[in-house]
Amino acid sequence: MSRTHVVALFGAAGRMGREILRLAPRFEQLRLTHAYDTAHVGEKVESLTIEAPPSVLPEDVRAILDFSAAPMVLDHLELAVRAGAAYVCGVTGLSQDVMNKLRASGNEIPVLHSPNMAVGMNLMFHLSALAAKALPDYARHIEETHHAAKKDSPSGTALRLRDSIENATGEDTEITALRMGDVIGEHRLIFGGPGERLEITHKADSRAVFAVGALRVAAWVLEHRSAGFYTMSDVLGL
C-alpha cells in the first residue's frame, strides 16, 4: 500500500483551488492539510479553512500544489526549495524568466509545470505535433475560447500547443483567442490542404478534469520522482 503524502494548496480560494479541494478525498495517497490564499482568509472550503500564505512551509508538507497567480509563483517556489518539498505548478501566463527559474530549481527538488493538466489536452499537444510534421504544406491555425474573466490571452494552453508544433516543425502558428461567457476551455487546431481539412479539438466540460489531472500529477511526482523538471508528457509517458 502506498504511503500518504501531505500537500499544501496555494490559490485555494480560486475556481480551480476549490475544485481541487472538493476532489482531493478521491486520492487516498494525498492529504491536503493547508489551503492558502491571499483572498477569503478564514473562509471554510470543504474541510479546510483558507489561510494566508506562510513565510515558512509546515515541516510535514512534502509538496506544494500551486494554482495561485503568476506574480506569486517565485515566492511559492522558494518555499518549496527551502523545505525540500516538490513543487507542482498549474499557473499560466509565466514569463520566460520565471520558467527558467522553475527549470533551474529542478536541480534541487522535483518541479512540474503544466499550463493545462487535463489528460486529453496533453494528448492533443502530442497529436498536434505529429500532424503538423506530417502535413508540412497545409495551412494551420489555432483557435481558443475561454470565459470572459480569464486574464491571460492567448491562454497558456494555446501557447503550449503552438510551442509543441514549433518544436516539431520549426515554424510558428497563428492563434486567435476569444473571451466570452463562461466557457471553461476550448482549443481547436485546424489544418487546411487540397480538398480536405483536419481539425483536432479539445473541449473541457468541467473544471473537474483539470483538478483530477492536478491531483494525479501531485501523486505521480511524490510517488515516483526525485529532483528534476517535469511536464505532463512525463506523467503520461509521451
Protein backbone atom coordinates (compact mmCIF):
# COMPACT_ATOMS: atom_id res chain seq x y z
CA MET A 1 0.00 0.00 0.00
CA SER A 2 1.41 3.40 -0.97
CA ARG A 3 2.16 5.91 1.73
CA THR A 4 0.19 9.12 2.27
CA HIS A 5 1.87 12.40 1.34
CA VAL A 6 0.99 15.76 2.90
CA VAL A 7 0.25 18.53 0.37
CA ALA A 8 -0.34 22.28 0.68
CA LEU A 9 -2.53 24.05 -1.88
CA PHE A 10 -1.87 27.65 -2.93
CA GLY A 11 -4.64 29.55 -4.71
CA ALA A 12 -7.19 27.58 -2.73
CA ALA A 13 -9.92 30.23 -2.87
CA GLY A 14 -9.98 30.40 -6.67
CA ARG A 15 -12.14 28.35 -9.01
CA MET A 16 -9.51 25.70 -9.55
CA GLY A 17 -8.46 25.63 -5.91
CA ARG A 18 -12.00 24.99 -4.74
CA GLU A 19 -12.41 22.20 -7.27
CA ILE A 20 -9.16 20.58 -6.14
CA LEU A 21 -10.31 20.72 -2.51
CA ARG A 22 -13.61 19.12 -3.49
CA LEU A 23 -12.00 16.24 -5.34
CA ALA A 24 -8.91 15.66 -3.18
CA PRO A 25 -10.56 12.97 -1.00
CA ARG A 26 -10.62 10.69 -4.07
CA PHE A 27 -6.82 10.44 -3.88
CA GLU A 28 -6.02 8.37 -0.81
CA GLN A 29 -2.26 8.81 -1.28
CA LEU A 30 -2.59 12.59 -0.85
CA ARG A 31 -3.63 14.50 2.25
CA LEU A 32 -4.28 18.22 1.78
CA THR A 33 -3.63 19.82 5.14
CA HIS A 34 -3.33 23.52 4.29
CA ALA A 35 -5.32 25.72 1.90
CA TYR A 36 -3.55 29.04 1.27
CA ASP A 37 -4.74 32.19 -0.49
CA THR A 38 -4.48 35.96 -0.17
CA ALA A 39 -8.27 36.21 -0.55
CA HIS A 40 -11.10 34.76 1.56
CA VAL A 41 -8.83 34.10 4.53
CA GLY A 42 -10.87 32.44 7.28
CA GLU A 43 -13.47 31.03 4.91
CA LYS A 44 -14.04 27.29 5.17
CA VAL A 45 -13.88 25.40 1.87
CA GLU A 46 -14.75 21.72 2.07
CA SER A 47 -12.91 20.54 5.20
CA LEU A 48 -10.21 23.23 5.33
CA THR A 49 -10.07 26.87 6.37
CA ILE A 50 -8.37 29.29 3.98
CA GLU A 51 -5.13 30.60 5.49
CA ALA A 52 -2.85 33.46 4.47
CA PRO A 53 0.29 32.21 2.69
CA PRO A 54 3.03 31.35 5.22
CA SER A 55 6.61 32.58 5.39
CA VAL A 56 7.78 29.03 6.10
CA LEU A 57 6.21 25.79 4.88
CA PRO A 58 4.98 23.45 7.65
CA GLU A 59 7.52 20.68 8.28
CA ASP A 60 5.27 17.79 7.26
CA VAL A 61 4.32 19.23 3.85
CA ARG A 62 6.00 17.22 1.08
CA ALA A 63 4.55 19.06 -1.93
CA ILE A 64 3.09 22.39 -2.95
CA LEU A 65 0.26 22.39 -5.47
CA ASP A 66 0.12 25.92 -6.89
CA PHE A 67 -2.88 27.43 -8.71
CA SER A 68 -2.43 30.99 -7.47
CA ALA A 69 -1.24 33.75 -9.84
CA ALA A 70 1.89 34.46 -11.86
CA PRO A 71 3.32 37.18 -9.55
CA MET A 72 3.28 34.74 -6.61
CA VAL A 73 4.92 31.73 -8.24
CA LEU A 74 8.54 32.51 -7.35
CA ASP A 75 7.64 33.10 -3.69
CA HIS A 76 5.91 29.73 -3.54
CA LEU A 77 8.75 28.04 -5.40
CA GLU A 78 11.21 29.41 -2.84
CA LEU A 79 9.11 27.96 -0.01
CA ALA A 80 9.28 24.55 -1.69
CA VAL A 81 13.03 24.73 -2.28
CA ARG A 82 13.74 25.79 1.30
CA ALA A 83 11.60 22.92 2.61
CA GLY A 84 12.88 20.33 0.14
CA ALA A 85 9.29 19.77 -1.00
CA ALA A 86 8.07 19.01 -4.52
CA TYR A 87 6.52 21.89 -6.46
CA VAL A 88 3.62 21.31 -8.89
CA CYS A 89 2.52 24.43 -10.75
CA GLY A 90 -0.56 24.96 -12.92
CA VAL A 91 -0.28 28.76 -13.08
CA THR A 92 -0.37 30.22 -16.59
CA GLY A 93 0.99 33.46 -18.03
CA LEU A 94 4.51 32.89 -16.67
CA SER A 95 7.42 34.88 -18.11
CA GLN A 96 10.44 33.19 -19.64
CA ASP A 97 12.48 34.28 -16.62
CA VAL A 98 10.09 32.51 -14.25
CA MET A 99 10.11 29.40 -16.43
CA ASN A 100 13.91 29.40 -16.37
CA LYS A 101 13.87 29.55 -12.57
CA LEU A 102 11.40 26.67 -12.42
CA ARG A 103 13.70 24.57 -14.59
CA ALA A 104 16.77 25.54 -12.55
CA SER A 105 15.02 24.60 -9.30
CA GLY A 106 14.63 21.10 -10.74
CA ASN A 107 18.27 20.63 -9.78
CA GLU A 108 17.20 20.71 -6.13
CA ILE A 109 13.62 19.45 -5.93
CA PRO A 110 11.01 17.78 -8.16
CA VAL A 111 9.31 20.55 -10.18
CA LEU A 112 6.44 20.01 -12.60
CA HIS A 113 4.76 22.75 -14.60
CA SER A 114 1.86 22.40 -16.98
CA PRO A 115 -0.50 25.17 -18.20
CA ASN A 116 -3.20 22.52 -18.60
CA MET A 117 -3.40 19.30 -16.61
CA ALA A 118 -6.28 17.68 -18.49
CA VAL A 119 -5.10 14.33 -19.84
CA GLY A 120 -6.94 14.79 -23.15
CA MET A 121 -5.41 18.21 -23.75
CA ASN A 122 -1.92 16.91 -23.19
CA LEU A 123 -2.56 14.13 -25.66
CA MET A 124 -3.68 16.86 -28.09
CA PHE A 125 -0.29 18.55 -27.72
CA HIS A 126 1.32 15.27 -28.81
CA LEU A 127 -1.08 14.57 -31.68
CA SER A 128 -0.86 18.12 -32.98
CA ALA A 129 2.92 17.94 -33.24
CA LEU A 130 2.65 14.67 -35.15
CA ALA A 131 0.03 16.09 -37.52
CA ALA A 132 1.97 19.30 -38.15
CA LYS A 133 5.10 17.34 -39.00
CA ALA A 134 3.15 15.05 -41.35
CA LEU A 135 1.37 17.95 -43.11
CA PRO A 136 4.13 20.50 -43.76
CA ASP A 137 2.38 22.10 -46.75
CA TYR A 138 -1.02 22.56 -45.06
CA ALA A 139 -2.10 25.90 -43.65
CA ARG A 140 -2.83 25.75 -39.92
CA HIS A 141 -4.42 27.92 -37.25
CA ILE A 142 -5.12 27.65 -33.51
CA GLU A 143 -8.41 28.90 -32.08
CA GLU A 144 -9.07 29.06 -28.33
CA THR A 145 -12.07 30.24 -26.31
CA HIS A 146 -12.30 30.85 -22.56
CA HIS A 147 -14.62 32.59 -20.12
CA ALA A 148 -14.73 36.38 -20.10
CA ALA A 149 -12.91 36.66 -16.76
CA LYS A 150 -9.76 34.83 -17.89
CA LYS A 151 -6.84 37.23 -17.58
CA ASP A 152 -4.21 35.82 -19.95
CA SER A 153 -4.76 35.89 -23.70
CA PRO A 154 -3.76 33.77 -25.55
CA SER A 155 -4.13 31.09 -22.92
CA GLY A 156 -1.13 29.23 -21.60
CA THR A 157 -2.62 26.11 -23.17
CA ALA A 158 -2.77 27.73 -26.63
CA LEU A 159 0.83 28.89 -26.27
CA ARG A 160 1.87 25.38 -25.22
CA LEU A 161 0.05 23.98 -28.27
CA ARG A 162 1.88 26.45 -30.51
CA ASP A 163 5.21 25.52 -28.91
CA SER A 164 4.56 21.81 -29.47
CA ILE A 165 4.05 22.47 -33.18
CA GLU A 166 7.05 24.79 -33.41
CA ASN A 167 9.29 22.22 -31.73
CA ALA A 168 8.20 19.67 -34.34
CA THR A 169 8.35 21.90 -37.42
CA GLY A 170 10.47 24.97 -36.61
CA GLU A 171 7.55 27.14 -37.72
CA ASP A 172 5.13 29.48 -35.96
CA THR A 173 1.35 29.01 -35.87
CA GLU A 174 -1.10 31.91 -35.54
CA ILE A 175 -3.51 31.96 -32.59
CA THR A 176 -6.96 33.52 -32.35
CA ALA A 177 -8.15 33.97 -28.75
CA LEU A 178 -11.75 34.66 -27.75
CA ARG A 179 -13.01 35.62 -24.28
CA MET A 180 -16.76 35.25 -23.82
CA GLY A 181 -19.42 33.93 -21.50
CA ASP A 182 -18.48 31.16 -19.09
CA VAL A 183 -16.65 28.82 -21.46
CA ILE A 184 -14.29 26.69 -19.37
CA GLY A 185 -11.90 25.99 -22.22
CA GLU A 186 -11.97 25.04 -25.90
CA HIS A 187 -8.96 24.60 -28.18
CA ARG A 188 -9.03 23.78 -31.87
CA LEU A 189 -6.17 23.24 -34.30
CA ILE A 190 -7.20 23.44 -37.96
CA PHE A 191 -5.18 22.16 -40.92
CA GLY A 192 -6.27 23.12 -44.43
CA GLY A 193 -4.95 21.40 -47.53
CA PRO A 194 -6.01 20.49 -51.07
CA GLY A 195 -9.55 19.14 -50.90
CA GLU A 196 -9.58 18.44 -47.18
CA ARG A 197 -9.49 19.90 -43.70
CA LEU A 198 -8.27 18.26 -40.49
CA GLU A 199 -9.35 19.54 -37.08
CA ILE A 200 -8.09 18.44 -33.67
CA THR A 201 -10.30 19.76 -30.87
CA HIS A 202 -10.37 19.58 -27.08
CA LYS A 203 -13.33 20.84 -25.04
CA ALA A 204 -13.31 20.99 -21.27
CA ASP A 205 -16.84 20.46 -19.98
CA SER A 206 -15.93 20.84 -16.30
CA ARG A 207 -13.06 22.17 -14.21
CA ALA A 208 -13.06 18.77 -12.57
CA VAL A 209 -10.93 17.46 -15.45
CA PHE A 210 -8.15 19.92 -14.55
CA ALA A 211 -8.45 19.26 -10.81
CA VAL A 212 -8.26 15.49 -11.24
CA GLY A 213 -5.27 15.94 -13.53
CA ALA A 214 -3.51 18.15 -10.98
CA LEU A 215 -4.07 15.69 -8.15
CA ARG A 216 -2.91 12.82 -10.35
CA VAL A 217 0.25 14.78 -11.16
CA ALA A 218 0.94 15.52 -7.50
CA ALA A 219 0.58 11.83 -6.63
CA TRP A 220 2.89 10.85 -9.54
CA VAL A 221 5.59 13.30 -8.53
CA LEU A 222 5.53 12.26 -4.90
CA GLU A 223 5.48 8.52 -5.59
CA HIS A 224 7.97 8.25 -8.41
CA ARG A 225 10.27 11.20 -8.88
CA SER A 226 13.46 12.68 -7.48
CA ALA A 227 14.75 16.17 -8.29
CA GLY A 228 14.15 17.24 -11.89
CA PHE A 229 11.93 19.37 -14.11
CA TYR A 230 8.88 17.52 -15.46
CA THR A 231 5.81 18.10 -17.62
CA MET A 232 2.57 16.21 -18.20
CA SER A 233 4.29 14.38 -21.04
CA ASP A 234 6.44 12.66 -18.43
CA VAL A 235 3.38 11.70 -16.40
CA LEU A 236 1.65 10.23 -19.47
CA GLY A 237 4.76 8.63 -20.93
CA LEU A 238 4.52 10.58 -24.18
